[in-house]
Amino acid sequence: MLDKKAKIRIINKYKVHDTDTGSTPVQIAILTEEIKQLSDHLKAHKHDHSSRRGLLKKVGERRRLLKYLQKEDEKMFQDVAKKLNLKIAKKMIANEEEKKRIEAEIEAKQAEKEAAKLESGK
């Protein structure tokens, strides 16, 4: 659990506007810090399974928030991922680029088929 001063420091660093305390970037940053603390705790206490479960829940929550942010505001997603140096965000960016490339290939093939149909119909 983060202490109040650490949480306020994170909020001030990632807030979108002056009264912001719960925007997606702030939530992601807070979860990232909590994940780091839990990871350190689990390195020292390997058999603390309840903390391990909490860690996995926080990682899942952060992944969902990152996915939402990527869908809603790509630039903000890039900024947050870069500031926090998140590996999962790099994977998400690569997956999204691959998905766009495949969709472009499919569209190009469909356009070729339609062009061939139009030519054969003349």
Protein backbone atom coordinates (compact mmCIF):
# COMPACT_ATOMS: atom_id res chain seq x y z
CA MET A 1 0.00 0.00 0.00
CA LEU A 2 1.33 3.40 -0.94
CA ASP A 3 1.70 6.02 1.73
CA LYS A 4 -0.16 9.28 1.28
CA LYS A 5 2.90 11.36 0.35
CA ALA A 6 3.96 8.95 -2.40
CA LYS A 7 0.44 8.86 -3.80
CA ILE A 8 0.21 12.68 -3.84
CA ARG A 9 3.62 12.87 -5.57
CA ILE A 10 2.44 10.45 -8.28
CA ILE A 11 -0.86 12.29 -8.73
CA ASN A 12 0.96 15.61 -9.13
CA LYS A 13 3.30 14.13 -11.71
CA TYR A 14 0.65 12.46 -13.91
CA LYS A 15 -2.45 14.62 -13.44
CA VAL A 16 -4.21 15.89 -16.55
CA HIS A 17 -5.71 19.03 -14.97
CA ASP A 18 -5.43 20.85 -11.64
CA THR A 19 -8.12 18.96 -9.71
CA ASP A 20 -7.33 15.57 -11.26
CA THR A 21 -6.98 12.65 -8.86
CA GLY A 22 -8.46 9.72 -10.75
CA SER A 23 -7.85 10.01 -14.47
CA THR A 24 -6.62 6.93 -16.31
CA PRO A 25 -2.93 8.02 -16.44
CA VAL A 26 -2.97 8.71 -12.69
CA GLN A 27 -4.56 5.32 -11.94
CA ILE A 28 -2.00 3.56 -14.15
CA ALA A 29 0.89 5.35 -12.43
CA ILE A 30 -0.42 4.50 -8.95
CA LEU A 31 -0.96 0.86 -9.90
CA THR A 32 2.54 0.70 -11.36
CA GLU A 33 4.07 1.93 -8.11
CA GLU A 34 1.97 -0.52 -6.08
CA ILE A 35 3.04 -3.34 -8.41
CA LYS A 36 6.70 -2.42 -7.88
CA GLN A 37 6.26 -2.46 -4.11
CA LEU A 38 4.44 -5.80 -4.16
CA SER A 39 7.08 -7.31 -6.44
CA ASP A 40 9.81 -6.28 -4.02
CA HIS A 41 7.80 -7.69 -1.12
CA LEU A 42 7.33 -11.01 -2.92
CA LYS A 43 11.05 -11.30 -3.62
CA ALA A 44 11.63 -11.34 0.13
CA HIS A 45 8.50 -13.37 1.02
CA LYS A 46 8.16 -16.05 -1.64
CA HIS A 47 5.32 -17.91 0.08
CA ASP A 48 3.00 -14.93 0.61
CA HIS A 49 0.28 -16.17 -1.72
CA SER A 50 -2.36 -13.61 -0.75
CA SER A 51 0.00 -10.79 -1.74
CA ARG A 52 0.78 -12.65 -4.97
CA ARG A 53 -2.94 -12.76 -5.74
CA GLY A 54 -3.21 -9.03 -5.03
CA LEU A 55 -0.27 -8.40 -7.34
CA LEU A 56 -1.93 -10.34 -10.16
CA LYS A 57 -5.17 -8.41 -9.68
CA LYS A 58 -3.30 -5.10 -9.86
CA VAL A 59 -1.44 -6.19 -13.01
CA GLY A 60 -4.75 -7.15 -14.65
CA GLU A 61 -6.35 -3.86 -13.64
CA ARG A 62 -3.41 -1.90 -15.06
CA ARG A 63 -3.55 -3.89 -18.31
CA ARG A 64 -7.27 -3.10 -18.68
CA LEU A 65 -6.64 0.60 -18.03
CA LEU A 66 -3.77 0.64 -20.53
CA LYS A 67 -5.95 -1.04 -23.15
CA TYR A 68 -8.69 1.54 -22.53
CA LEU A 69 -6.23 4.44 -22.72
CA GLN A 70 -4.71 3.07 -25.92
CA LYS A 71 -8.16 2.88 -27.49
CA GLU A 72 -9.31 6.31 -26.32
CA ASP A 73 -6.17 8.48 -26.50
CA GLU A 74 -3.18 7.00 -28.35
CA LYS A 75 -0.89 9.98 -27.65
CA MET A 76 -1.58 9.94 -23.90
CA PHE A 77 -1.02 6.17 -23.90
CA GLN A 78 2.38 6.63 -25.58
CA ASP A 79 3.35 9.34 -23.07
CA VAL A 80 2.34 7.31 -20.02
CA ALA A 81 4.04 4.16 -21.32
CA LYS A 82 7.24 6.08 -22.00
CA LYS A 83 7.24 7.86 -18.62
CA LEU A 84 6.62 4.63 -16.72
CA ASN A 85 8.83 2.50 -18.99
CA LEU A 86 6.26 -0.29 -19.21
CA LYS A 87 7.17 -3.50 -21.04
CA ILE A 88 3.54 -4.51 -21.48
CA ALA A 89 2.78 -1.21 -23.21
CA LYS A 90 5.57 -1.87 -25.70
CA LYS A 91 4.00 -5.27 -26.45
CA MET A 92 0.57 -3.68 -26.81
CA ILE A 93 1.94 -1.11 -29.25
CA ALA A 94 3.63 -3.84 -31.31
CA ASN A 95 0.43 -5.92 -31.34
CA GLU A 96 -1.63 -2.92 -32.44
CA GLU A 97 0.80 -2.13 -35.27
CA GLU A 98 0.73 -5.76 -36.41
CA LYS A 99 -3.08 -5.74 -36.33
CA LYS A 100 -3.18 -2.56 -38.45
CA ARG A 101 -0.70 -4.04 -40.94
CA ILE A 102 -2.77 -7.21 -41.34
CA GLU A 103 -5.98 -5.18 -41.78
CA ALA A 104 -4.27 -3.08 -44.47
CA GLU A 105 -3.17 -6.24 -46.30
CA ILE A 106 -6.70 -7.66 -46.17
CA GLU A 107 -8.17 -4.39 -47.49
CA ALA A 108 -5.61 -4.34 -50.32
CA LYS A 109 -6.50 -7.93 -51.31
CA GLN A 110 -10.21 -7.10 -51.27
CA ALA A 111 -9.59 -4.04 -53.44
CA GLU A 112 -7.63 -6.21 -55.90
CA LYS A 113 -10.47 -8.75 -56.06
CA GLU A 114 -13.04 -6.01 -56.68
CA ALA A 115 -10.85 -4.47 -59.38
CA ALA A 116 -10.49 -7.89 -61.04
CA LYS A 117 -14.27 -8.41 -60.93
CA LEU A 118 -14.87 -5.02 -62.53
CA GLU A 119 -12.36 -5.74 -65.31
CA SER A 120 -13.73 -9.20 -66.03
CA GLY A 121 -17.25 -7.76 -66.13
CA LYS A 122 -16.36 -5.26 -68.90
